[in-house]
C-alpha cells in the first residue's frame, strides 16, 4: 500500500506528530510517497519509514496510491487538491492549523486515521469543484477550485461593477468590491465571512455572494450547479483580481469569464464518527453558551 503525504511548512511543534505518522506507516509496512520540498525540510529532524519515495508534481502520482494525507490547515488541503486533480485519489486532512473545516482530524487522531485507511473503514465524501473558463489561459493546468472562484477589485481601486449572467440570461449587476461563487464546500469559507449561507456538501449548488456590496438590498443567492455563470467587469482601472481558492491572477477587465461545475470531483476522507453536522458544532461552537 502507498500513501502520499503533502505539506508546505515545518514547525518545531508539529514534528512529534509527523514522527508519529511516519512510525504508524512504518508499522503497517506502508510506503510513504512524500512531497519532495517537504521531504527536504523534515529529513534532518524525522526518522523516515523503511519504504518511501518522493513526488514533486501531479504527474508523479498514479492509481497505486491509496490516498493523500494533507498535514496543515485548510489552505494546505486546498493546495493538495491541485496535485490530486482527476486521479481519484482521496484526501485526508490532519489539522496542524487553526479552524480546520476541511482538515478536520486532530493530531491526536493520527493512529485512528491510519488504521481506518489500512482496514478501509473510512468514509469518502465526494465534493464538487468549480471550473473557470476564460478567453485567455488562466491558472495553467488547474483552472478549478474546491472552495470558491472570486473576482476582486485591485487593492487601491474603487469598487467594480460585475455584470452577472446565468446561462446567458442577465441576473444582476453587482456594484461591490468583488463577487464570490462558492461551492457547497466553500460555503463555510470566504463566502460565510461575507454573510453567505452554509450549504450541505451534497446540495448540488453554487452560492453567489457579493463582497461589500454598494446596494444593501443585494444579498447572496443560491443557484443549481448545472448553471453556467458568466461575468463582464467594469471599473476605473484596467485590471481586476481573479482567484481560485488561494491562487490569484491579475486579469484585464476586457476578458470575459465563466464558471461551471467541474467534470470530476474530489474525495475527502473522514472517520466514521465524524460528519458535517459535528464539524459545524465543533468549529462554530454551536450549542455552547460562551457567557459561562
C-alpha atoms as a PDB file:
ATOM      1  CA  UNK A   1       0.000   0.000   0.000  1.00  0.00           C
ATOM      2  CA  UNK A   2       1.159   3.541  -0.784  1.00  0.00           C
ATOM      3  CA  UNK A   3       0.043   6.743   0.927  1.00  0.00           C
ATOM      4  CA  UNK A   4       1.151  10.144  -0.348  1.00  0.00           C
ATOM      5  CA  UNK A   5       1.991  12.938   2.113  1.00  0.00           C
ATOM      6  CA  UNK A   6       1.798  16.640   1.316  1.00  0.00           C
ATOM      7  CA  UNK A   7       2.604  19.680   3.439  1.00  0.00           C
ATOM      8  CA  UNK A   8       4.112  23.112   2.984  1.00  0.00           C
ATOM      9  CA  UNK A   9       5.584  24.346   6.255  1.00  0.00           C
ATOM     10  CA  UNK A  10       7.523  22.610   9.023  1.00  0.00           C
ATOM     11  CA  UNK A  11       7.223  23.986  12.535  1.00  0.00           C
ATOM     12  CA  UNK A  12       9.007  22.556  15.539  1.00  0.00           C
ATOM     13  CA  UNK A  13       5.790  21.876  17.411  1.00  0.00           C
ATOM     14  CA  UNK A  14       4.488  19.728  14.524  1.00  0.00           C
ATOM     15  CA  UNK A  15       7.475  17.360  14.385  1.00  0.00           C
ATOM     16  CA  UNK A  16       6.267  14.884  17.078  1.00  0.00           C
ATOM     17  CA  UNK A  17       3.003  14.404  15.151  1.00  0.00           C
ATOM     18  CA  UNK A  18       4.899  13.978  11.867  1.00  0.00           C
ATOM     19  CA  UNK A  19       7.136  11.395  13.520  1.00  0.00           C
ATOM     20  CA  UNK A  20       4.107   9.556  14.862  1.00  0.00           C
ATOM     21  CA  UNK A  21       2.622   9.432  11.363  1.00  0.00           C
ATOM     22  CA  UNK A  22       5.865   8.052   9.908  1.00  0.00           C
ATOM     23  CA  UNK A  23       6.051   5.457  12.680  1.00  0.00           C
ATOM     24  CA  UNK A  24       2.450   4.369  12.086  1.00  0.00           C
ATOM     25  CA  UNK A  25       3.095   3.972   8.348  1.00  0.00           C
ATOM     26  CA  UNK A  26       6.273   2.014   9.029  1.00  0.00           C
ATOM     27  CA  UNK A  27       4.499  -0.296  11.476  1.00  0.00           C
ATOM     28  CA  UNK A  28       1.867  -1.089   8.861  1.00  0.00           C
ATOM     29  CA  UNK A  29       4.555  -1.501   6.151  1.00  0.00           C
ATOM     30  CA  UNK A  30       3.036   1.286   4.086  1.00  0.00           C
ATOM     31  CA  UNK A  31       5.193   3.096   1.553  1.00  0.00           C
ATOM     32  CA  UNK A  32       5.154   6.859   2.123  1.00  0.00           C
ATOM     33  CA  UNK A  33       5.208   8.928  -1.074  1.00  0.00           C
ATOM     34  CA  UNK A  34       6.396  12.296   0.249  1.00  0.00           C
ATOM     35  CA  UNK A  35       6.227  15.707  -1.431  1.00  0.00           C
ATOM     36  CA  UNK A  36       9.864  16.414  -2.252  1.00  0.00           C
ATOM     37  CA  UNK A  37      10.179  20.013  -0.951  1.00  0.00           C
ATOM     38  CA  UNK A  38       8.560  18.893   2.319  1.00  0.00           C
ATOM     39  CA  UNK A  39      10.857  15.850   2.491  1.00  0.00           C
ATOM     40  CA  UNK A  40      13.918  18.125   2.296  1.00  0.00           C
ATOM     41  CA  UNK A  41      12.618  20.109   5.284  1.00  0.00           C
ATOM     42  CA  UNK A  42      11.806  17.177   7.562  1.00  0.00           C
ATOM     43  CA  UNK A  43      14.712  14.882   6.577  1.00  0.00           C
ATOM     44  CA  UNK A  44      17.104  16.210   9.258  1.00  0.00           C
ATOM     45  CA  UNK A  45      14.523  16.014  12.051  1.00  0.00           C
ATOM     46  CA  UNK A  46      12.313  12.966  11.377  1.00  0.00           C
ATOM     47  CA  UNK A  47      13.128   9.276  11.191  1.00  0.00           C
ATOM     48  CA  UNK A  48      11.567   8.161   7.914  1.00  0.00           C
ATOM     49  CA  UNK A  49       9.835   4.834   7.204  1.00  0.00           C
ATOM     50  CA  UNK A  50      11.802   1.942   5.752  1.00  0.00           C
ATOM     51  CA  UNK A  51       9.981   2.358   2.454  1.00  0.00           C
ATOM     52  CA  UNK A  52       9.440   5.775   0.950  1.00  0.00           C
ATOM     53  CA  UNK A  53       9.601   7.578  -2.375  1.00  0.00           C
ATOM     54  CA  UNK A  54       9.166  11.185  -3.487  1.00  0.00           C
ATOM     55  CA  UNK A  55       6.862  13.158  -5.743  1.00  0.00           C
ATOM     56  CA  UNK A  56       7.180  16.705  -6.983  1.00  0.00           C
ATOM     57  CA  UNK A  57       4.271  17.099  -9.404  1.00  0.00           C
ATOM     58  CA  UNK A  58       0.880  15.657 -10.206  1.00  0.00           C
ATOM     59  CA  UNK A  59       2.445  13.572 -12.969  1.00  0.00           C
ATOM     60  CA  UNK A  60       4.321  11.555 -10.320  1.00  0.00           C
ATOM     61  CA  UNK A  61       1.073  10.289  -8.748  1.00  0.00           C
ATOM     62  CA  UNK A  62      -0.827   7.257 -10.030  1.00  0.00           C
ATOM     63  CA  UNK A  63      -3.645   4.902  -9.104  1.00  0.00           C
ATOM     64  CA  UNK A  64      -1.412   2.755  -6.879  1.00  0.00           C
ATOM     65  CA  UNK A  65      -1.703   5.457  -4.199  1.00  0.00           C
ATOM     66  CA  UNK A  66      -4.452   4.670  -1.711  1.00  0.00           C
ATOM     67  CA  UNK A  67      -4.892   8.258  -0.527  1.00  0.00           C
ATOM     68  CA  UNK A  68      -3.051  11.504   0.115  1.00  0.00           C
ATOM     69  CA  UNK A  69      -2.617  12.886   3.625  1.00  0.00           C
ATOM     70  CA  UNK A  70      -2.507  16.662   3.944  1.00  0.00           C
ATOM     71  CA  UNK A  71      -0.634  17.930   7.017  1.00  0.00           C
ATOM     72  CA  UNK A  72      -1.615  21.511   7.822  1.00  0.00           C
ATOM     73  CA  UNK A  73      -4.696  23.676   7.747  1.00  0.00           C
ATOM     74  CA  UNK A  74      -7.427  24.133   5.164  1.00  0.00           C
ATOM     75  CA  UNK A  75      -5.092  26.141   2.914  1.00  0.00           C
ATOM     76  CA  UNK A  76      -2.697  23.201   2.744  1.00  0.00           C
ATOM     77  CA  UNK A  77      -5.546  20.871   1.834  1.00  0.00           C
ATOM     78  CA  UNK A  78      -6.647  23.219  -0.951  1.00  0.00           C
ATOM     79  CA  UNK A  79      -3.098  23.036  -2.323  1.00  0.00           C
ATOM     80  CA  UNK A  80      -3.265  19.245  -2.115  1.00  0.00           C
ATOM     81  CA  UNK A  81      -6.295  19.236  -4.424  1.00  0.00           C
ATOM     82  CA  UNK A  82      -4.202  20.851  -7.185  1.00  0.00           C
ATOM     83  CA  UNK A  83      -1.903  17.786  -7.137  1.00  0.00           C
ATOM     84  CA  UNK A  84      -4.647  15.159  -6.951  1.00  0.00           C
ATOM     85  CA  UNK A  85      -6.601  16.583  -9.921  1.00  0.00           C
ATOM     86  CA  UNK A  86      -8.750  13.929 -11.640  1.00  0.00           C
ATOM     87  CA  UNK A  87      -6.718  10.928 -10.430  1.00  0.00           C
ATOM     88  CA  UNK A  88      -9.453   9.841  -7.988  1.00  0.00           C
ATOM     89  CA  UNK A  89      -7.042   9.830  -5.040  1.00  0.00           C
ATOM     90  CA  UNK A  90      -8.994  10.702  -1.868  1.00  0.00           C
ATOM     91  CA  UNK A  91      -7.542  13.275   0.523  1.00  0.00           C
ATOM     92  CA  UNK A  92      -7.354  13.078   4.310  1.00  0.00           C
ATOM     93  CA  UNK A  93      -6.660  16.325   6.158  1.00  0.00           C
ATOM     94  CA  UNK A  94      -4.873  16.293   9.531  1.00  0.00           C
ATOM     95  CA  UNK A  95      -5.196  19.717  11.081  1.00  0.00           C
ATOM     96  CA  UNK A  96      -1.958  21.433  12.076  1.00  0.00           C
ATOM     97  CA  UNK A  97      -3.618  24.837  11.634  1.00  0.00           C
ATOM     98  CA  UNK A  98      -6.406  26.642  13.467  1.00  0.00           C
ATOM     99  CA  UNK A  99     -10.087  26.256  12.487  1.00  0.00           C
ATOM    100  CA  UNK A 100      -9.852  23.298  10.112  1.00  0.00           C
ATOM    101  CA  UNK A 101     -13.216  22.830   8.370  1.00  0.00           C
ATOM    102  CA  UNK A 102     -11.655  20.623   5.683  1.00  0.00           C
ATOM    103  CA  UNK A 103      -8.648  19.331   7.601  1.00  0.00           C
ATOM    104  CA  UNK A 104     -10.913  18.277  10.420  1.00  0.00           C
ATOM    105  CA  UNK A 105      -8.902  15.485  12.076  1.00  0.00           C
ATOM    106  CA  UNK A 106      -6.743  16.468  15.020  1.00  0.00           C
ATOM    107  CA  UNK A 107      -3.155  15.367  15.592  1.00  0.00           C
ATOM    108  CA  UNK A 108      -4.366  13.045  18.343  1.00  0.00           C
ATOM    109  CA  UNK A 109      -6.313  11.051  15.712  1.00  0.00           C
ATOM    110  CA  UNK A 110      -3.314  10.016  13.584  1.00  0.00           C
ATOM    111  CA  UNK A 111      -3.378   6.409  14.798  1.00  0.00           C
ATOM    112  CA  UNK A 112      -7.122   6.096  14.167  1.00  0.00           C
ATOM    113  CA  UNK A 113      -6.751   7.657  10.726  1.00  0.00           C
ATOM    114  CA  UNK A 114      -4.021   5.250   9.608  1.00  0.00           C
ATOM    115  CA  UNK A 115      -5.962   2.265  10.956  1.00  0.00           C
ATOM    116  CA  UNK A 116      -9.097   3.385   9.114  1.00  0.00           C
ATOM    117  CA  UNK A 117      -7.124   3.593   5.851  1.00  0.00           C
ATOM    118  CA  UNK A 118      -5.493   0.182   6.366  1.00  0.00           C
ATOM    119  CA  UNK A 119      -8.804  -1.525   7.186  1.00  0.00           C
ATOM    120  CA  UNK A 120     -10.667   0.599   4.616  1.00  0.00           C
ATOM    121  CA  UNK A 121     -13.271   1.597   7.190  1.00  0.00           C
ATOM    122  CA  UNK A 122     -13.019   5.313   6.432  1.00  0.00           C
ATOM    123  CA  UNK A 123     -15.795   7.171   4.631  1.00  0.00           C
ATOM    124  CA  UNK A 124     -15.075   9.107   1.441  1.00  0.00           C
ATOM    125  CA  UNK A 125     -17.283  12.150   0.845  1.00  0.00           C
ATOM    126  CA  UNK A 126     -17.440  13.305  -2.767  1.00  0.00           C
ATOM    127  CA  UNK A 127     -17.038  17.086  -3.104  1.00  0.00           C
ATOM    128  CA  UNK A 128     -17.825  19.062  -6.243  1.00  0.00           C
ATOM    129  CA  UNK A 129     -15.384  21.545  -7.772  1.00  0.00           C
ATOM    130  CA  UNK A 130     -15.860  24.795  -9.658  1.00  0.00           C
ATOM    131  CA  UNK A 131     -14.203  25.230 -13.085  1.00  0.00           C
ATOM    132  CA  UNK A 132     -13.159  28.510 -14.698  1.00  0.00           C
ATOM    133  CA  UNK A 133     -13.415  29.161 -18.455  1.00  0.00           C
ATOM    134  CA  UNK A 134     -11.824  32.317 -19.868  1.00  0.00           C
ATOM    135  CA  UNK A 135     -10.906  33.889 -23.189  1.00  0.00           C
ATOM    136  CA  UNK A 136      -7.240  33.512 -22.293  1.00  0.00           C
ATOM    137  CA  UNK A 137      -5.417  30.729 -20.410  1.00  0.00           C
ATOM    138  CA  UNK A 138      -5.652  31.259 -16.652  1.00  0.00           C
ATOM    139  CA  UNK A 139      -4.305  29.117 -13.809  1.00  0.00           C
ATOM    140  CA  UNK A 140      -2.412  26.726 -16.068  1.00  0.00           C
ATOM    141  CA  UNK A 141      -3.434  23.068 -15.755  1.00  0.00           C
ATOM    142  CA  UNK A 142      -5.577  23.612 -12.655  1.00  0.00           C
ATOM    143  CA  UNK A 143      -8.391  26.035 -13.588  1.00  0.00           C
ATOM    144  CA  UNK A 144     -10.608  24.697 -10.827  1.00  0.00           C
ATOM    145  CA  UNK A 145     -11.188  25.184  -7.105  1.00  0.00           C
ATOM    146  CA  UNK A 146     -12.663  23.225  -4.222  1.00  0.00           C
ATOM    147  CA  UNK A 147     -13.877  26.253  -2.254  1.00  0.00           C
ATOM    148  CA  UNK A 148     -14.592  29.212  -4.482  1.00  0.00           C
ATOM    149  CA  UNK A 149     -13.997  31.376  -7.502  1.00  0.00           C
ATOM    150  CA  UNK A 150     -13.743  35.086  -6.701  1.00  0.00           C
ATOM    151  CA  UNK A 151     -13.468  38.411  -8.509  1.00  0.00           C
ATOM    152  CA  UNK A 152     -11.877  41.336  -6.645  1.00  0.00           C
ATOM    153  CA  UNK A 153     -11.012  44.908  -7.323  1.00  0.00           C
ATOM    154  CA  UNK A 154      -7.306  45.683  -7.094  1.00  0.00           C
ATOM    155  CA  UNK A 155      -6.121  46.946  -3.711  1.00  0.00           C
ATOM    156  CA  UNK A 156      -6.315  50.693  -4.345  1.00  0.00           C
ATOM    157  CA  UNK A 157      -9.105  50.857  -6.940  1.00  0.00           C
ATOM    158  CA  UNK A 158     -12.726  51.952  -6.351  1.00  0.00           C
ATOM    159  CA  UNK A 159     -15.449  49.315  -6.386  1.00  0.00           C
ATOM    160  CA  UNK A 160     -16.145  47.466  -9.608  1.00  0.00           C
ATOM    161  CA  UNK A 161     -19.303  46.504 -11.484  1.00  0.00           C
ATOM    162  CA  UNK A 162     -19.717  42.797 -12.092  1.00  0.00           C
ATOM    163  CA  UNK A 163     -22.412  42.067 -14.695  1.00  0.00           C
ATOM    164  CA  UNK A 164     -23.511  38.502 -13.960  1.00  0.00           C
ATOM    165  CA  UNK A 165     -25.458  36.057 -16.155  1.00  0.00           C
ATOM    166  CA  UNK A 166     -26.969  32.598 -15.609  1.00  0.00           C
ATOM    167  CA  UNK A 167     -26.838  30.524 -18.799  1.00  0.00           C
ATOM    168  CA  UNK A 168     -26.650  33.773 -20.767  1.00  0.00           C
ATOM    169  CA  UNK A 169     -29.628  35.396 -19.021  1.00  0.00           C
ATOM    170  CA  UNK A 170     -28.890  38.556 -17.057  1.00  0.00           C
ATOM    171  CA  UNK A 171     -29.028  38.074 -13.285  1.00  0.00           C
ATOM    172  CA  UNK A 172     -27.686  41.264 -11.710  1.00  0.00           C
ATOM    173  CA  UNK A 173     -25.005  43.924 -11.782  1.00  0.00           C
ATOM    174  CA  UNK A 174     -23.055  43.830  -8.523  1.00  0.00           C
ATOM    175  CA  UNK A 175     -21.574  47.187  -7.501  1.00  0.00           C
ATOM    176  CA  UNK A 176     -19.103  45.915  -4.939  1.00  0.00           C
ATOM    177  CA  UNK A 177     -15.510  45.200  -4.004  1.00  0.00           C
ATOM    178  CA  UNK A 178     -15.910  41.795  -5.596  1.00  0.00           C
ATOM    179  CA  UNK A 179     -18.005  38.692  -6.067  1.00  0.00           C
ATOM    180  CA  UNK A 180     -17.658  35.114  -4.793  1.00  0.00           C
ATOM    181  CA  UNK A 181     -19.073  31.974  -6.363  1.00  0.00           C
ATOM    182  CA  UNK A 182     -18.658  29.233  -3.773  1.00  0.00           C
ATOM    183  CA  UNK A 183     -19.213  25.509  -3.896  1.00  0.00           C
ATOM    184  CA  UNK A 184     -21.088  23.839  -1.022  1.00  0.00           C
ATOM    185  CA  UNK A 185     -17.674  23.005   0.467  1.00  0.00           C
ATOM    186  CA  UNK A 186     -16.647  26.653   0.154  1.00  0.00           C
ATOM    187  CA  UNK A 187     -19.869  27.907   1.730  1.00  0.00           C
ATOM    188  CA  UNK A 188     -18.181  27.664   5.157  1.00  0.00           C
ATOM    189  CA  UNK A 189     -15.139  29.654   3.962  1.00  0.00           C
ATOM    190  CA  UNK A 190     -14.761  33.090   2.419  1.00  0.00           C
ATOM    191  CA  UNK A 191     -18.432  33.227   1.408  1.00  0.00           C
ATOM    192  CA  UNK A 192     -19.529  32.671   5.019  1.00  0.00           C
ATOM    193  CA  UNK A 193     -17.347  35.566   6.202  1.00  0.00           C
ATOM    194  CA  UNK A 194     -19.216  37.767   3.690  1.00  0.00           C
ATOM    195  CA  UNK A 195     -22.600  36.700   5.168  1.00  0.00           C
ATOM    196  CA  UNK A 196     -23.242  33.853   2.733  1.00  0.00           C
ATOM    197  CA  UNK A 197     -25.334  30.839   3.857  1.00  0.00           C
ATOM    198  CA  UNK A 198     -23.993  27.463   4.965  1.00  0.00           C
ATOM    199  CA  UNK A 199     -24.891  24.732   2.477  1.00  0.00           C
ATOM    200  CA  UNK A 200     -24.684  20.969   2.918  1.00  0.00           C
ATOM    201  CA  UNK A 201     -21.850  19.449   0.884  1.00  0.00           C
ATOM    202  CA  UNK A 202     -24.170  17.282  -1.236  1.00  0.00           C
ATOM    203  CA  UNK A 203     -26.644  20.038  -2.142  1.00  0.00           C
ATOM    204  CA  UNK A 204     -25.533  20.422  -5.820  1.00  0.00           C
ATOM    205  CA  UNK A 205     -25.492  24.221  -5.620  1.00  0.00           C
ATOM    206  CA  UNK A 206     -23.380  27.325  -6.037  1.00  0.00           C
ATOM    207  CA  UNK A 207     -23.595  30.366  -3.754  1.00  0.00           C
ATOM    208  CA  UNK A 208     -23.145  33.792  -5.366  1.00  0.00           C
ATOM    209  CA  UNK A 209     -22.049  36.206  -2.627  1.00  0.00           C
ATOM    210  CA  UNK A 210     -21.140  39.884  -3.136  1.00  0.00           C
ATOM    211  CA  UNK A 211     -18.180  41.351  -1.255  1.00  0.00           C
ATOM    212  CA  UNK A 212     -19.107  44.674   0.419  1.00  0.00           C
ATOM    213  CA  UNK A 213     -21.977  45.491  -1.998  1.00  0.00           C
ATOM    214  CA  UNK A 214     -22.867  49.142  -2.547  1.00  0.00           C
ATOM    215  CA  UNK A 215     -26.600  48.318  -2.512  1.00  0.00           C
ATOM    216  CA  UNK A 216     -27.503  46.795   0.838  1.00  0.00           C
ATOM    217  CA  UNK A 217     -30.579  45.003  -0.578  1.00  0.00           C
ATOM    218  CA  UNK A 218     -28.318  42.787  -2.710  1.00  0.00           C
ATOM    219  CA  UNK A 219     -27.989  39.508  -0.847  1.00  0.00           C
ATOM    220  CA  UNK A 220     -26.298  36.147  -1.503  1.00  0.00           C
ATOM    221  CA  UNK A 221     -28.226  33.791  -3.774  1.00  0.00           C
ATOM    222  CA  UNK A 222     -28.098  30.002  -4.130  1.00  0.00           C
ATOM    223  CA  UNK A 223     -28.350  28.567  -7.665  1.00  0.00           C
ATOM    224  CA  UNK A 224     -28.205  24.982  -9.005  1.00  0.00           C
ATOM    225  CA  UNK A 225     -24.717  23.958 -10.035  1.00  0.00           C
ATOM    226  CA  UNK A 226     -25.845  22.935 -13.525  1.00  0.00           C
ATOM    227  CA  UNK A 227     -25.843  26.650 -14.414  1.00  0.00           C
ATOM    228  CA  UNK A 228     -23.023  28.342 -16.319  1.00  0.00           C
ATOM    229  CA  UNK A 229     -22.352  31.653 -14.556  1.00  0.00           C
ATOM    230  CA  UNK A 230     -20.631  34.283 -16.705  1.00  0.00           C
ATOM    231  CA  UNK A 231     -19.260  37.742 -15.947  1.00  0.00           C
ATOM    232  CA  UNK A 232     -18.350  41.042 -17.546  1.00  0.00           C
ATOM    233  CA  UNK A 233     -16.347  43.519 -15.488  1.00  0.00           C
ATOM    234  CA  UNK A 234     -16.411  47.326 -15.472  1.00  0.00           C
ATOM    235  CA  UNK A 235     -14.147  49.555 -13.409  1.00  0.00           C
ATOM    236  CA  UNK A 236     -11.941  52.614 -13.391  1.00  0.00           C
ATOM    237  CA  UNK A 237      -8.785  50.521 -13.548  1.00  0.00           C
ATOM    238  CA  UNK A 238      -7.760  48.227 -16.397  1.00  0.00           C
ATOM    239  CA  UNK A 239      -7.345  45.097 -14.291  1.00  0.00           C
ATOM    240  CA  UNK A 240      -9.066  43.118 -11.593  1.00  0.00           C
ATOM    241  CA  UNK A 241      -8.031  40.135  -9.460  1.00  0.00           C
ATOM    242  CA  UNK A 242      -9.319  36.672 -10.323  1.00  0.00           C
ATOM    243  CA  UNK A 243      -8.932  33.976  -7.653  1.00  0.00           C
ATOM    244  CA  UNK A 244      -9.405  30.226  -7.387  1.00  0.00           C
ATOM    245  CA  UNK A 245      -9.150  29.288  -3.720  1.00  0.00           C
ATOM    246  CA  UNK A 246      -5.816  30.770  -2.580  1.00  0.00           C
ATOM    247  CA  UNK A 247      -4.405  31.191  -6.116  1.00  0.00           C
ATOM    248  CA  UNK A 248      -4.864  34.507  -7.878  1.00  0.00           C
ATOM    249  CA  UNK A 249      -4.029  36.278 -11.114  1.00  0.00           C
ATOM    250  CA  UNK A 250      -4.322  39.843 -12.383  1.00  0.00           C
ATOM    251  CA  UNK A 251      -6.706  39.907 -15.359  1.00  0.00           C
ATOM    252  CA  UNK A 252      -7.601  42.614 -17.882  1.00  0.00           C
ATOM    253  CA  UNK A 253     -11.171  43.826 -17.399  1.00  0.00           C
ATOM    254  CA  UNK A 254     -11.966  43.147 -21.073  1.00  0.00           C
ATOM    255  CA  UNK A 255     -11.549  39.402 -20.528  1.00  0.00           C
ATOM    256  CA  UNK A 256     -14.852  37.567 -20.187  1.00  0.00           C
ATOM    257  CA  UNK A 257     -15.088  34.781 -17.623  1.00  0.00           C
ATOM    258  CA  UNK A 258     -17.492  31.946 -16.882  1.00  0.00           C
ATOM    259  CA  UNK A 259     -17.652  29.272 -14.206  1.00  0.00           C
ATOM    260  CA  UNK A 260     -19.364  25.896 -14.143  1.00  0.00           C
ATOM    261  CA  UNK A 261     -19.252  22.637 -12.245  1.00  0.00           C
ATOM    262  CA  UNK A 262     -16.041  20.718 -12.918  1.00  0.00           C
ATOM    263  CA  UNK A 263     -16.445  17.391 -14.767  1.00  0.00           C
ATOM    264  CA  UNK A 264     -14.737  15.464 -11.934  1.00  0.00           C
ATOM    265  CA  UNK A 265     -14.942  15.705  -8.157  1.00  0.00           C
ATOM    266  CA  UNK A 266     -12.666  15.168  -5.153  1.00  0.00           C
ATOM    267  CA  UNK A 267     -12.943  12.624  -2.351  1.00  0.00           C
ATOM    268  CA  UNK A 268     -12.423  13.849   1.225  1.00  0.00           C
ATOM    269  CA  UNK A 269     -11.829  11.165   3.828  1.00  0.00           C
ATOM    270  CA  UNK A 270     -13.499  11.237   7.216  1.00  0.00           C
ATOM    271  CA  UNK A 271     -13.665   8.721  10.022  1.00  0.00           C
ATOM    272  CA  UNK A 272     -16.977   7.043  10.798  1.00  0.00           C
ATOM    273  CA  UNK A 273     -17.639   9.152  13.866  1.00  0.00           C
ATOM    274  CA  UNK A 274     -17.151  12.484  12.106  1.00  0.00           C
ATOM    275  CA  UNK A 275     -19.790  14.144   9.935  1.00  0.00           C
ATOM    276  CA  UNK A 276     -20.729  17.587   8.633  1.00  0.00           C
ATOM    277  CA  UNK A 277     -23.092  18.420  11.498  1.00  0.00           C
ATOM    278  CA  UNK A 278     -20.481  17.545  14.095  1.00  0.00           C
ATOM    279  CA  UNK A 279     -17.942  19.680  12.248  1.00  0.00           C
ATOM    280  CA  UNK A 280     -20.337  22.645  12.281  1.00  0.00           C
ATOM    281  CA  UNK A 281     -20.984  22.283  16.001  1.00  0.00           C
ATOM    282  CA  UNK A 282     -17.324  21.848  16.862  1.00  0.00           C
ATOM    283  CA  UNK A 283     -15.854  24.553  14.624  1.00  0.00           C
ATOM    284  CA  UNK A 284     -18.575  27.186  15.061  1.00  0.00           C
ATOM    285  CA  UNK A 285     -19.255  26.398  18.755  1.00  0.00           C
ATOM    286  CA  UNK A 286     -22.946  25.908  18.110  1.00  0.00           C
ATOM    287  CA  UNK A 287     -24.926  24.992  21.208  1.00  0.00           C
ATOM    288  CA  UNK A 288     -22.318  26.424  23.570  1.00  0.00           C
ATOM    289  CA  UNK A 289     -23.087  29.330  25.872  1.00  0.00           C
ATOM    290  CA  UNK A 290     -19.835  31.326  25.827  1.00  0.00           C
ATOM    291  CA  UNK A 291     -21.112  33.567  28.660  1.00  0.00           C
ATOM    292  CA  UNK A 292     -20.350  30.813  31.182  1.00  0.00           C
END
